[in-house]
C-alpha atoms as a PDB file:
ATOM      1  CA  MET A   1      23.852  64.466 -17.287  1.00  0.00           C
ATOM      2  CA  LEU A   2      20.155  63.283 -16.711  1.00  0.00           C
ATOM      3  CA  LEU A   3      19.446  66.342 -14.195  1.00  0.00           C
ATOM      4  CA  THR A   4      21.407  69.009 -16.551  1.00  0.00           C
ATOM      5  CA  GLN A   5      19.137  67.801 -19.718  1.00  0.00           C
ATOM      6  CA  SER A   6      15.783  67.216 -17.980  1.00  0.00           C
ATOM      7  CA  VAL A   7      15.478  69.836 -15.150  1.00  0.00           C
ATOM      8  CA  SER A   8      14.997  73.228 -14.969  1.00  0.00           C
ATOM      9  CA  PHE A   9      16.832  75.297 -11.895  1.00  0.00           C
ATOM     10  CA  PHE A  10      13.505  76.348 -10.549  1.00  0.00           C
ATOM     11  CA  ASP A  11      12.707  72.643 -10.032  1.00  0.00           C
ATOM     12  CA  THR A  12      15.838  71.417  -8.021  1.00  0.00           C
ATOM     13  CA  ALA A  13      15.515  74.237  -5.291  1.00  0.00           C
ATOM     14  CA  GLY A  14      16.323  72.475  -2.257  1.00  0.00           C
ATOM     15  CA  GLU A  15      17.188  68.772  -0.491  1.00  0.00           C
ATOM     16  CA  ASN A  16      13.762  67.539  -1.392  1.00  0.00           C
ATOM     17  CA  PHE A  17      14.280  67.021  -4.948  1.00  0.00           C
ATOM     18  CA  TYR A  18      17.233  65.538  -4.632  1.00  0.00           C
ATOM     19  CA  HIS A  19      16.074  63.242  -1.932  1.00  0.00           C
ATOM     20  CA  GLY A  20      13.197  61.896  -4.580  1.00  0.00           C
ATOM     21  CA  PHE A  21      15.774  61.622  -7.154  1.00  0.00           C
ATOM     22  CA  MET A  22      18.094  59.779  -5.649  1.00  0.00           C
ATOM     23  CA  LEU A  23      15.437  57.439  -4.199  1.00  0.00           C
ATOM     24  CA  GLY A  24      13.775  56.539  -7.579  1.00  0.00           C
ATOM     25  CA  LEU A  25      17.321  55.920  -9.339  1.00  0.00           C
ATOM     26  CA  CYS A  26      17.976  53.617  -6.114  1.00  0.00           C
ATOM     27  CA  ALA A  27      15.022  51.797  -6.029  1.00  0.00           C
ATOM     28  CA  LEU A  28      15.555  50.630  -9.538  1.00  0.00           C
ATOM     29  CA  MET A  29      18.494  48.914  -8.256  1.00  0.00           C
ATOM     30  CA  SER A  30      18.248  45.120  -8.254  1.00  0.00           C
ATOM     31  CA  GLY A  31      19.393  43.226  -5.304  1.00  0.00           C
ATOM     32  CA  THR A  32      18.576  45.721  -2.819  1.00  0.00           C
ATOM     33  CA  PHE A  33      15.755  46.733  -0.456  1.00  0.00           C
ATOM     34  CA  VAL A  34      15.402  50.361  -0.782  1.00  0.00           C
ATOM     35  CA  THR A  35      14.042  52.415   2.614  1.00  0.00           C
ATOM     36  CA  SER A  36      13.870  56.253   3.416  1.00  0.00           C
ATOM     37  CA  ASN A  37      13.746  58.575   6.054  1.00  0.00           C
ATOM     38  CA  ARG A  38      13.583  55.883   9.075  1.00  0.00           C
ATOM     39  CA  GLU A  39      15.309  56.099  12.320  1.00  0.00           C
ATOM     40  CA  SER A  40      18.526  54.655  12.914  1.00  0.00           C
ATOM     41  CA  GLY A  41      20.699  55.277  15.924  1.00  0.00           C
ATOM     42  CA  ASP A  42      20.266  58.785  17.174  1.00  0.00           C
ATOM     43  CA  GLY A  43      18.478  60.323  13.895  1.00  0.00           C
ATOM     44  CA  ARG A  44      17.346  59.314  10.477  1.00  0.00           C
ATOM     45  CA  TYR A  45      19.144  58.358   7.196  1.00  0.00           C
ATOM     46  CA  ASP A  46      18.154  59.829   3.966  1.00  0.00           C
ATOM     47  CA  ILE A  47      17.897  56.509   1.873  1.00  0.00           C
ATOM     48  CA  GLN A  48      19.421  52.827   2.914  1.00  0.00           C
ATOM     49  CA  LEU A  49      20.388  50.213   0.567  1.00  0.00           C
ATOM     50  CA  LYS A  50      19.574  46.869   2.081  1.00  0.00           C
ATOM     51  CA  PRO A  51      21.122  43.868   0.751  1.00  0.00           C
ATOM     52  CA  ILE A  52      18.717  41.105  -0.322  1.00  0.00           C
ATOM     53  CA  ARG A  53      21.341  38.573  -0.510  1.00  0.00           C
ATOM     54  CA  LYS A  54      23.326  37.705   3.468  1.00  0.00           C
ATOM     55  CA  GLY A  55      26.930  38.771   3.054  1.00  0.00           C
ATOM     56  CA  MET A  56      26.384  41.567   1.119  1.00  0.00           C
ATOM     57  CA  PRO A  57      27.197  45.185   2.271  1.00  0.00           C
ATOM     58  CA  GLY A  58      24.428  47.835   2.635  1.00  0.00           C
ATOM     59  CA  ILE A  59      24.959  51.666   2.129  1.00  0.00           C
ATOM     60  CA  LEU A  60      23.392  54.441   3.966  1.00  0.00           C
ATOM     61  CA  ILE A  61      22.783  57.629   1.620  1.00  0.00           C
ATOM     62  CA  GLU A  62      22.938  60.784   3.504  1.00  0.00           C
ATOM     63  CA  LEU A  63      21.736  64.020   1.460  1.00  0.00           C
ATOM     64  CA  LYS A  64      22.918  67.994   2.422  1.00  0.00           C
ATOM     65  CA  ALA A  65      21.613  71.036   0.248  1.00  0.00           C
ATOM     66  CA  GLY A  66      24.613  74.087   0.271  1.00  0.00           C
ATOM     67  CA  LYS A  67      24.877  76.885  -1.339  1.00  0.00           C
ATOM     68  CA  ASN A  68      28.677  76.559  -2.074  1.00  0.00           C
ATOM     69  CA  VAL A  69      29.669  74.224  -4.740  1.00  0.00           C
ATOM     70  CA  GLU A  70      33.337  74.390  -3.566  1.00  0.00           C
ATOM     71  CA  VAL A  71      32.688  73.397  -0.083  1.00  0.00           C
ATOM     72  CA  ALA A  72      30.663  70.407  -1.346  1.00  0.00           C
ATOM     73  CA  VAL A  73      33.221  69.260  -3.548  1.00  0.00           C
ATOM     74  CA  GLU A  74      35.649  69.105  -0.729  1.00  0.00           C
END
């Protein structure tokens, strides 16, 4: 809902806009250390949420841009 009320279609062309938007939202979360576009395994992840407290799960987020909304929802 935040996106539909605040940005234009022309603002959202490509993956970089969403990457920055998601990175900003994730940075607001407490209890995690957020990094972006770092090497991991055979490539780079888009966003990593690493827990500050040991024993808590971490999250890797990979963003993809596509033209077909129906395929993305599947």
